[in-house]
């Protein structure tokens, strides 16, 4: 079982990745790099739950690609 130090290390890695991503998306605007935005990006990779970012089954777009592949192999 891994301890608190490992979880903290993984969180810091995720926050570093989030900072790199946000700097890439907003190159000239460093005001967007707030601690809140970095933390949200680090813990939840989906920026929102709109029809483009969310689960396709929830918004009536049919099965996901993985489900289509699985159905194709099973049939």
PDB file of N, CA and C in Angstrom:
ATOM      1  N   UNK A   1       0.844  -1.177   0.000  1.00  0.00           N
ATOM      2  CA  UNK A   1       0.000   0.000   0.000  1.00  0.00           C
ATOM      3  C   UNK A   1       0.890   1.241   0.000  1.00  0.00           C
ATOM      4  N   UNK A   2       0.486   2.218  -0.776  1.00  0.00           N
ATOM      5  CA  UNK A   2       1.284   3.425  -0.881  1.00  0.00           C
ATOM      6  C   UNK A   2       0.781   4.472   0.106  1.00  0.00           C
ATOM      7  N   UNK A   3       1.665   5.333   0.504  1.00  0.00           N
ATOM      8  CA  UNK A   3       1.337   6.274   1.564  1.00  0.00           C
ATOM      9  C   UNK A   3       0.999   7.668   1.072  1.00  0.00           C
ATOM     10  N   UNK A   4       0.926   8.552   2.025  1.00  0.00           N
ATOM     11  CA  UNK A   4       0.571   9.933   1.774  1.00  0.00           C
ATOM     12  C   UNK A   4       1.618  10.624   0.901  1.00  0.00           C
ATOM     13  N   UNK A   5       2.880  10.315   1.096  1.00  0.00           N
ATOM     14  CA  UNK A   5       3.940  10.941   0.309  1.00  0.00           C
ATOM     15  C   UNK A   5       3.774  10.627  -1.171  1.00  0.00           C
ATOM     16  N   UNK A   6       3.402   9.401  -1.487  1.00  0.00           N
ATOM     17  CA  UNK A   6       3.204   9.016  -2.880  1.00  0.00           C
ATOM     18  C   UNK A   6       2.024   9.778  -3.486  1.00  0.00           C
ATOM     19  N   UNK A   7       0.928   9.887  -2.743  1.00  0.00           N
ATOM     20  CA  UNK A   7      -0.241  10.614  -3.258  1.00  0.00           C
ATOM     21  C   UNK A   7       0.089  12.090  -3.460  1.00  0.00           C
ATOM     22  N   UNK A   8       0.853  12.660  -2.549  1.00  0.00           N
ATOM     23  CA  UNK A   8       1.265  14.059  -2.719  1.00  0.00           C
ATOM     24  C   UNK A   8       2.156  14.216  -3.943  1.00  0.00           C
ATOM     25  N   UNK A   9       3.045  13.274  -4.138  1.00  0.00           N
ATOM     26  CA  UNK A   9       3.928  13.314  -5.307  1.00  0.00           C
ATOM     27  C   UNK A   9       3.114  13.245  -6.595  1.00  0.00           C
ATOM     28  N   UNK A  10       2.126  12.352  -6.641  1.00  0.00           N
ATOM     29  CA  UNK A  10       1.298  12.217  -7.836  1.00  0.00           C
ATOM     30  C   UNK A  10       0.478  13.491  -8.074  1.00  0.00           C
ATOM     31  N   UNK A  11      -0.002  14.118  -7.015  1.00  0.00           N
ATOM     32  CA  UNK A  11      -0.748  15.359  -7.167  1.00  0.00           C
ATOM     33  C   UNK A  11       0.153  16.466  -7.704  1.00  0.00           C
ATOM     34  N   UNK A  12       1.367  16.557  -7.223  1.00  0.00           N
ATOM     35  CA  UNK A  12       2.297  17.571  -7.728  1.00  0.00           C
ATOM     36  C   UNK A  12       2.637  17.329  -9.192  1.00  0.00           C
ATOM     37  N   UNK A  13       2.775  16.056  -9.580  1.00  0.00           N
ATOM     38  CA  UNK A  13       2.999  15.737 -10.988  1.00  0.00           C
ATOM     39  C   UNK A  13       1.816  16.187 -11.846  1.00  0.00           C
ATOM     40  N   UNK A  14       0.612  15.915 -11.368  1.00  0.00           N
ATOM     41  CA  UNK A  14      -0.587  16.294 -12.110  1.00  0.00           C
ATOM     42  C   UNK A  14      -0.705  17.813 -12.210  1.00  0.00           C
ATOM     43  N   UNK A  15      -0.359  18.521 -11.150  1.00  0.00           N
ATOM     44  CA  UNK A  15      -0.425  19.977 -11.187  1.00  0.00           C
ATOM     45  C   UNK A  15       0.617  20.549 -12.142  1.00  0.00           C
ATOM     46  N   UNK A  16       1.792  19.945 -12.193  1.00  0.00           N
ATOM     47  CA  UNK A  16       2.800  20.381 -13.147  1.00  0.00           C
ATOM     48  C   UNK A  16       2.334  20.176 -14.581  1.00  0.00           C
ATOM     49  N   UNK A  17       1.693  19.052 -14.826  1.00  0.00           N
ATOM     50  CA  UNK A  17       1.145  18.775 -16.146  1.00  0.00           C
ATOM     51  C   UNK A  17       0.042  19.774 -16.489  1.00  0.00           C
ATOM     52  N   UNK A  18      -0.779  20.127 -15.497  1.00  0.00           N
ATOM     53  CA  UNK A  18      -1.851  21.091 -15.714  1.00  0.00           C
ATOM     54  C   UNK A  18      -1.287  22.476 -16.030  1.00  0.00           C
ATOM     55  N   UNK A  19      -0.217  22.859 -15.355  1.00  0.00           N
ATOM     56  CA  UNK A  19       0.403  24.158 -15.620  1.00  0.00           C
ATOM     57  C   UNK A  19       0.944  24.197 -17.048  1.00  0.00           C
ATOM     58  N   UNK A  20       1.613  23.137 -17.459  1.00  0.00           N
ATOM     59  CA  UNK A  20       2.133  23.090 -18.830  1.00  0.00           C
ATOM     60  C   UNK A  20       1.003  23.183 -19.849  1.00  0.00           C
ATOM     61  N   UNK A  21      -0.098  22.484 -19.595  1.00  0.00           N
ATOM     62  CA  UNK A  21      -1.237  22.522 -20.507  1.00  0.00           C
ATOM     63  C   UNK A  21      -1.841  23.923 -20.568  1.00  0.00           C
ATOM     64  N   UNK A  22      -2.054  24.546 -19.415  1.00  0.00           N
ATOM     65  CA  UNK A  22      -2.681  25.862 -19.397  1.00  0.00           C
ATOM     66  C   UNK A  22      -1.776  26.907 -20.035  1.00  0.00           C
ATOM     67  N   UNK A  23      -0.479  26.789 -19.881  1.00  0.00           N
ATOM     68  CA  UNK A  23       0.435  27.708 -20.557  1.00  0.00           C
ATOM     69  C   UNK A  23       0.378  27.524 -22.069  1.00  0.00           C
ATOM     70  N   UNK A  24       0.154  26.296 -22.511  1.00  0.00           N
ATOM     71  CA  UNK A  24       0.039  26.025 -23.939  1.00  0.00           C
ATOM     72  C   UNK A  24      -1.266  26.590 -24.492  1.00  0.00           C
ATOM     73  N   UNK A  25      -2.357  26.433 -23.754  1.00  0.00           N
ATOM     74  CA  UNK A  25      -3.661  26.891 -24.222  1.00  0.00           C
ATOM     75  C   UNK A  25      -3.769  28.412 -24.163  1.00  0.00           C
ATOM     76  N   UNK A  26      -3.235  29.020 -23.111  1.00  0.00           N
ATOM     77  CA  UNK A  26      -3.282  30.469 -22.942  1.00  0.00           C
ATOM     78  C   UNK A  26      -1.847  31.003 -22.929  1.00  0.00           C
ATOM     79  N   UNK A  27      -1.195  31.125 -24.092  1.00  0.00           N
ATOM     80  CA  UNK A  27       0.240  31.436 -24.095  1.00  0.00           C
ATOM     81  C   UNK A  27       0.599  32.820 -23.568  1.00  0.00           C
ATOM     82  N   UNK A  28      -0.165  33.849 -23.863  1.00  0.00           N
ATOM     83  CA  UNK A  28       0.227  35.187 -23.440  1.00  0.00           C
ATOM     84  C   UNK A  28      -0.468  35.676 -22.194  1.00  0.00           C
ATOM     85  N   UNK A  29      -1.457  34.940 -21.727  1.00  0.00           N
ATOM     86  CA  UNK A  29      -2.267  35.397 -20.607  1.00  0.00           C
ATOM     87  C   UNK A  29      -1.915  34.595 -19.352  1.00  0.00           C
ATOM     88  N   UNK A  30      -1.006  35.134 -18.540  1.00  0.00           N
ATOM     89  CA  UNK A  30      -0.600  34.420 -17.328  1.00  0.00           C
ATOM     90  C   UNK A  30      -1.552  34.673 -16.164  1.00  0.00           C
ATOM     91  N   UNK A  31      -2.553  35.524 -16.350  1.00  0.00           N
ATOM     92  CA  UNK A  31      -3.544  35.750 -15.313  1.00  0.00           C
ATOM     93  C   UNK A  31      -4.480  34.571 -15.149  1.00  0.00           C
ATOM     94  N   UNK A  32      -4.500  33.683 -16.138  1.00  0.00           N
ATOM     95  CA  UNK A  32      -5.389  32.525 -16.064  1.00  0.00           C
ATOM     96  C   UNK A  32      -4.788  31.396 -15.249  1.00  0.00           C
ATOM     97  N   UNK A  33      -3.526  31.480 -14.880  1.00  0.00           N
ATOM     98  CA  UNK A  33      -2.875  30.424 -14.108  1.00  0.00           C
ATOM     99  C   UNK A  33      -3.127  30.621 -12.616  1.00  0.00           C
ATOM    100  N   UNK A  34      -4.357  30.534 -12.220  1.00  0.00           N
ATOM    101  CA  UNK A  34      -4.698  30.650 -10.811  1.00  0.00           C
ATOM    102  C   UNK A  34      -4.594  29.275 -10.157  1.00  0.00           C
ATOM    103  N   UNK A  35      -4.453  29.261  -8.861  1.00  0.00           N
ATOM    104  CA  UNK A  35      -4.352  27.993  -8.138  1.00  0.00           C
ATOM    105  C   UNK A  35      -5.626  27.168  -8.305  1.00  0.00           C
ATOM    106  N   UNK A  36      -6.753  27.829  -8.354  1.00  0.00           N
ATOM    107  CA  UNK A  36      -8.023  27.120  -8.525  1.00  0.00           C
ATOM    108  C   UNK A  36      -8.088  26.422  -9.881  1.00  0.00           C
ATOM    109  N   UNK A  37      -7.718  27.133 -10.934  1.00  0.00           N
ATOM    110  CA  UNK A  37      -7.770  26.545 -12.275  1.00  0.00           C
ATOM    111  C   UNK A  37      -6.769  25.401 -12.418  1.00  0.00           C
ATOM    112  N   UNK A  38      -5.587  25.569 -11.857  1.00  0.00           N
ATOM    113  CA  UNK A  38      -4.575  24.510 -11.909  1.00  0.00           C
ATOM    114  C   UNK A  38      -5.072  23.285 -11.157  1.00  0.00           C
ATOM    115  N   UNK A  39      -5.642  23.483  -9.977  1.00  0.00           N
ATOM    116  CA  UNK A  39      -6.147  22.361  -9.197  1.00  0.00           C
ATOM    117  C   UNK A  39      -7.283  21.631  -9.881  1.00  0.00           C
ATOM    118  N   UNK A  40      -8.180  22.369 -10.496  1.00  0.00           N
ATOM    119  CA  UNK A  40      -9.299  21.725 -11.199  1.00  0.00           C
ATOM    120  C   UNK A  40      -8.806  20.937 -12.398  1.00  0.00           C
ATOM    121  N   UNK A  41      -7.857  21.487 -13.123  1.00  0.00           N
ATOM    122  CA  UNK A  41      -7.320  20.784 -14.289  1.00  0.00           C
ATOM    123  C   UNK A  41      -6.538  19.542 -13.855  1.00  0.00           C
ATOM    124  N   UNK A  42      -5.884  19.612 -12.712  1.00  0.00           N
ATOM    125  CA  UNK A  42      -5.077  18.487 -12.236  1.00  0.00           C
ATOM    126  C   UNK A  42      -5.938  17.338 -11.744  1.00  0.00           C
ATOM    127  N   UNK A  43      -7.060  17.636 -11.092  1.00  0.00           N
ATOM    128  CA  UNK A  43      -7.866  16.565 -10.506  1.00  0.00           C
ATOM    129  C   UNK A  43      -8.939  16.052 -11.448  1.00  0.00           C
ATOM    130  N   UNK A  44      -9.419  16.880 -12.371  1.00  0.00           N
ATOM    131  CA  UNK A  44     -10.451  16.456 -13.305  1.00  0.00           C
ATOM    132  C   UNK A  44     -10.040  16.920 -14.687  1.00  0.00           C
ATOM    133  N   UNK A  45      -9.620  15.989 -15.530  1.00  0.00           N
ATOM    134  CA  UNK A  45      -9.064  16.360 -16.828  1.00  0.00           C
ATOM    135  C   UNK A  45     -10.112  16.918 -17.786  1.00  0.00           C
ATOM    136  N   UNK A  46     -11.366  16.556 -17.636  1.00  0.00           N
ATOM    137  CA  UNK A  46     -12.406  17.094 -18.511  1.00  0.00           C
ATOM    138  C   UNK A  46     -12.719  18.522 -18.087  1.00  0.00           C
ATOM    139  N   UNK A  47     -12.631  19.480 -18.987  1.00  0.00           N
ATOM    140  CA  UNK A  47     -12.857  20.861 -18.592  1.00  0.00           C
ATOM    141  C   UNK A  47     -14.298  21.172 -18.223  1.00  0.00           C
ATOM    142  N   UNK A  48     -15.244  20.418 -18.777  1.00  0.00           N
ATOM    143  CA  UNK A  48     -16.649  20.660 -18.464  1.00  0.00           C
ATOM    144  C   UNK A  48     -17.437  19.400 -18.805  1.00  0.00           C
ATOM    145  N   UNK A  49     -18.736  19.498 -18.757  1.00  0.00           N
ATOM    146  CA  UNK A  49     -19.557  18.348 -19.095  1.00  0.00           C
ATOM    147  C   UNK A  49     -20.486  18.677 -20.260  1.00  0.00           C
ATOM    148  N   UNK A  50     -20.054  19.537 -21.158  1.00  0.00           N
ATOM    149  CA  UNK A  50     -20.873  19.882 -22.307  1.00  0.00           C
ATOM    150  C   UNK A  50     -20.957  18.692 -23.263  1.00  0.00           C
ATOM    151  N   UNK A  51     -21.695  18.805 -24.336  1.00  0.00           N
ATOM    152  CA  UNK A  51     -21.892  17.686 -25.245  1.00  0.00           C
ATOM    153  C   UNK A  51     -20.608  17.310 -25.980  1.00  0.00           C
ATOM    154  N   UNK A  52     -19.640  18.228 -26.078  1.00  0.00           N
ATOM    155  CA  UNK A  52     -18.393  17.900 -26.755  1.00  0.00           C
ATOM    156  C   UNK A  52     -17.402  17.191 -25.822  1.00  0.00           C
ATOM    157  N   UNK A  53     -17.412  17.568 -24.549  1.00  0.00           N
ATOM    158  CA  UNK A  53     -16.438  17.016 -23.604  1.00  0.00           C
ATOM    159  C   UNK A  53     -16.985  15.850 -22.794  1.00  0.00           C
ATOM    160  N   UNK A  54     -18.300  15.757 -22.680  1.00  0.00           N
ATOM    161  CA  UNK A  54     -18.907  14.787 -21.788  1.00  0.00           C
ATOM    162  C   UNK A  54     -19.071  13.410 -22.404  1.00  0.00           C
ATOM    163  N   UNK A  55     -19.795  12.586 -21.717  1.00  0.00           N
ATOM    164  CA  UNK A  55     -20.035  11.213 -22.132  1.00  0.00           C
ATOM    165  C   UNK A  55     -20.982  11.200 -23.333  1.00  0.00           C
ATOM    166  N   UNK A  56     -20.581  10.578 -24.460  1.00  0.00           N
ATOM    167  CA  UNK A  56     -21.448  10.614 -25.641  1.00  0.00           C
ATOM    168  C   UNK A  56     -22.778   9.888 -25.436  1.00  0.00           C
ATOM    169  N   UNK A  57     -22.808   8.864 -24.589  1.00  0.00           N
ATOM    170  CA  UNK A  57     -24.078   8.165 -24.358  1.00  0.00           C
ATOM    171  C   UNK A  57     -25.066   9.052 -23.635  1.00  0.00           C
ATOM    172  N   UNK A  58     -24.576   9.975 -22.854  1.00  0.00           N
ATOM    173  CA  UNK A  58     -25.466  10.856 -22.094  1.00  0.00           C
ATOM    174  C   UNK A  58     -26.181  11.855 -23.002  1.00  0.00           C
ATOM    175  N   UNK A  59     -25.540  12.229 -24.090  1.00  0.00           N
ATOM    176  CA  UNK A  59     -26.090  13.275 -24.954  1.00  0.00           C
ATOM    177  C   UNK A  59     -26.642  12.721 -26.265  1.00  0.00           C
ATOM    178  N   UNK A  60     -26.962  11.447 -26.312  1.00  0.00           N
ATOM    179  CA  UNK A  60     -27.630  10.865 -27.461  1.00  0.00           C
ATOM    180  C   UNK A  60     -26.779  10.744 -28.700  1.00  0.00           C
ATOM    181  N   UNK A  61     -25.475  10.611 -28.560  1.00  0.00           N
ATOM    182  CA  UNK A  61     -24.607  10.499 -29.709  1.00  0.00           C
ATOM    183  C   UNK A  61     -24.239   9.053 -30.002  1.00  0.00           C
ATOM    184  N   UNK A  62     -24.870   8.128 -29.355  1.00  0.00           N
ATOM    185  CA  UNK A  62     -24.593   6.723 -29.609  1.00  0.00           C
ATOM    186  C   UNK A  62     -23.504   6.181 -28.717  1.00  0.00           C
ATOM    187  N   UNK A  63     -23.056   4.966 -29.004  1.00  0.00           N
ATOM    188  CA  UNK A  63     -22.033   4.339 -28.164  1.00  0.00           C
ATOM    189  C   UNK A  63     -20.657   4.980 -28.378  1.00  0.00           C
ATOM    190  N   UNK A  64     -19.780   4.744 -27.426  1.00  0.00           N
ATOM    191  CA  UNK A  64     -18.418   5.252 -27.542  1.00  0.00           C
ATOM    192  C   UNK A  64     -17.648   4.401 -28.546  1.00  0.00           C
ATOM    193  N   UNK A  65     -16.464   4.846 -28.920  1.00  0.00           N
ATOM    194  CA  UNK A  65     -15.647   4.089 -29.875  1.00  0.00           C
ATOM    195  C   UNK A  65     -15.269   2.720 -29.323  1.00  0.00           C
ATOM    196  N   UNK A  66     -14.948   2.698 -28.039  1.00  0.00           N
ATOM    197  CA  UNK A  66     -14.576   1.425 -27.422  1.00  0.00           C
ATOM    198  C   UNK A  66     -15.751   0.453 -27.448  1.00  0.00           C
ATOM    199  N   UNK A  67     -16.953   0.962 -27.214  1.00  0.00           N
ATOM    200  CA  UNK A  67     -18.130   0.091 -27.262  1.00  0.00           C
ATOM    201  C   UNK A  67     -18.394  -0.399 -28.679  1.00  0.00           C
ATOM    202  N   UNK A  68     -18.174   0.458 -29.676  1.00  0.00           N
ATOM    203  CA  UNK A  68     -18.360   0.031 -31.062  1.00  0.00           C
ATOM    204  C   UNK A  68     -17.353  -1.048 -31.440  1.00  0.00           C
ATOM    205  N   UNK A  69     -16.100  -0.878 -31.012  1.00  0.00           N
ATOM    206  CA  UNK A  69     -15.088  -1.900 -31.308  1.00  0.00           C
ATOM    207  C   UNK A  69     -15.432  -3.205 -30.635  1.00  0.00           C
ATOM    208  N   UNK A  70     -15.881  -3.142 -29.392  1.00  0.00           N
ATOM    209  CA  UNK A  70     -16.233  -4.351 -28.675  1.00  0.00           C
ATOM    210  C   UNK A  70     -17.413  -5.051 -29.331  1.00  0.00           C
ATOM    211  N   UNK A  71     -18.387  -4.304 -29.787  1.00  0.00           N
ATOM    212  CA  UNK A  71     -19.552  -4.892 -30.455  1.00  0.00           C
ATOM    213  C   UNK A  71     -19.143  -5.506 -31.795  1.00  0.00           C
ATOM    214  N   UNK A  72     -18.203  -4.890 -32.471  1.00  0.00           N
ATOM    215  CA  UNK A  72     -17.751  -5.424 -33.754  1.00  0.00           C
ATOM    216  C   UNK A  72     -17.014  -6.727 -33.603  1.00  0.00           C
ATOM    217  N   UNK A  73     -16.237  -6.871 -32.541  1.00  0.00           N
ATOM    218  CA  UNK A  73     -15.505  -8.114 -32.308  1.00  0.00           C
ATOM    219  C   UNK A  73     -16.435  -9.223 -31.843  1.00  0.00           C
ATOM    220  N   UNK A  74     -17.457  -8.850 -31.061  1.00  0.00           N
ATOM    221  CA  UNK A  74     -18.355  -9.866 -30.517  1.00  0.00           C
ATOM    222  C   UNK A  74     -19.302 -10.376 -31.589  1.00  0.00           C
ATOM    223  N   UNK A  75     -19.645  -9.552 -32.547  1.00  0.00           N
ATOM    224  CA  UNK A  75     -20.633  -9.964 -33.571  1.00  0.00           C
ATOM    225  C   UNK A  75     -20.016 -10.789 -34.670  1.00  0.00           C
TER     226      UNK A  75
END
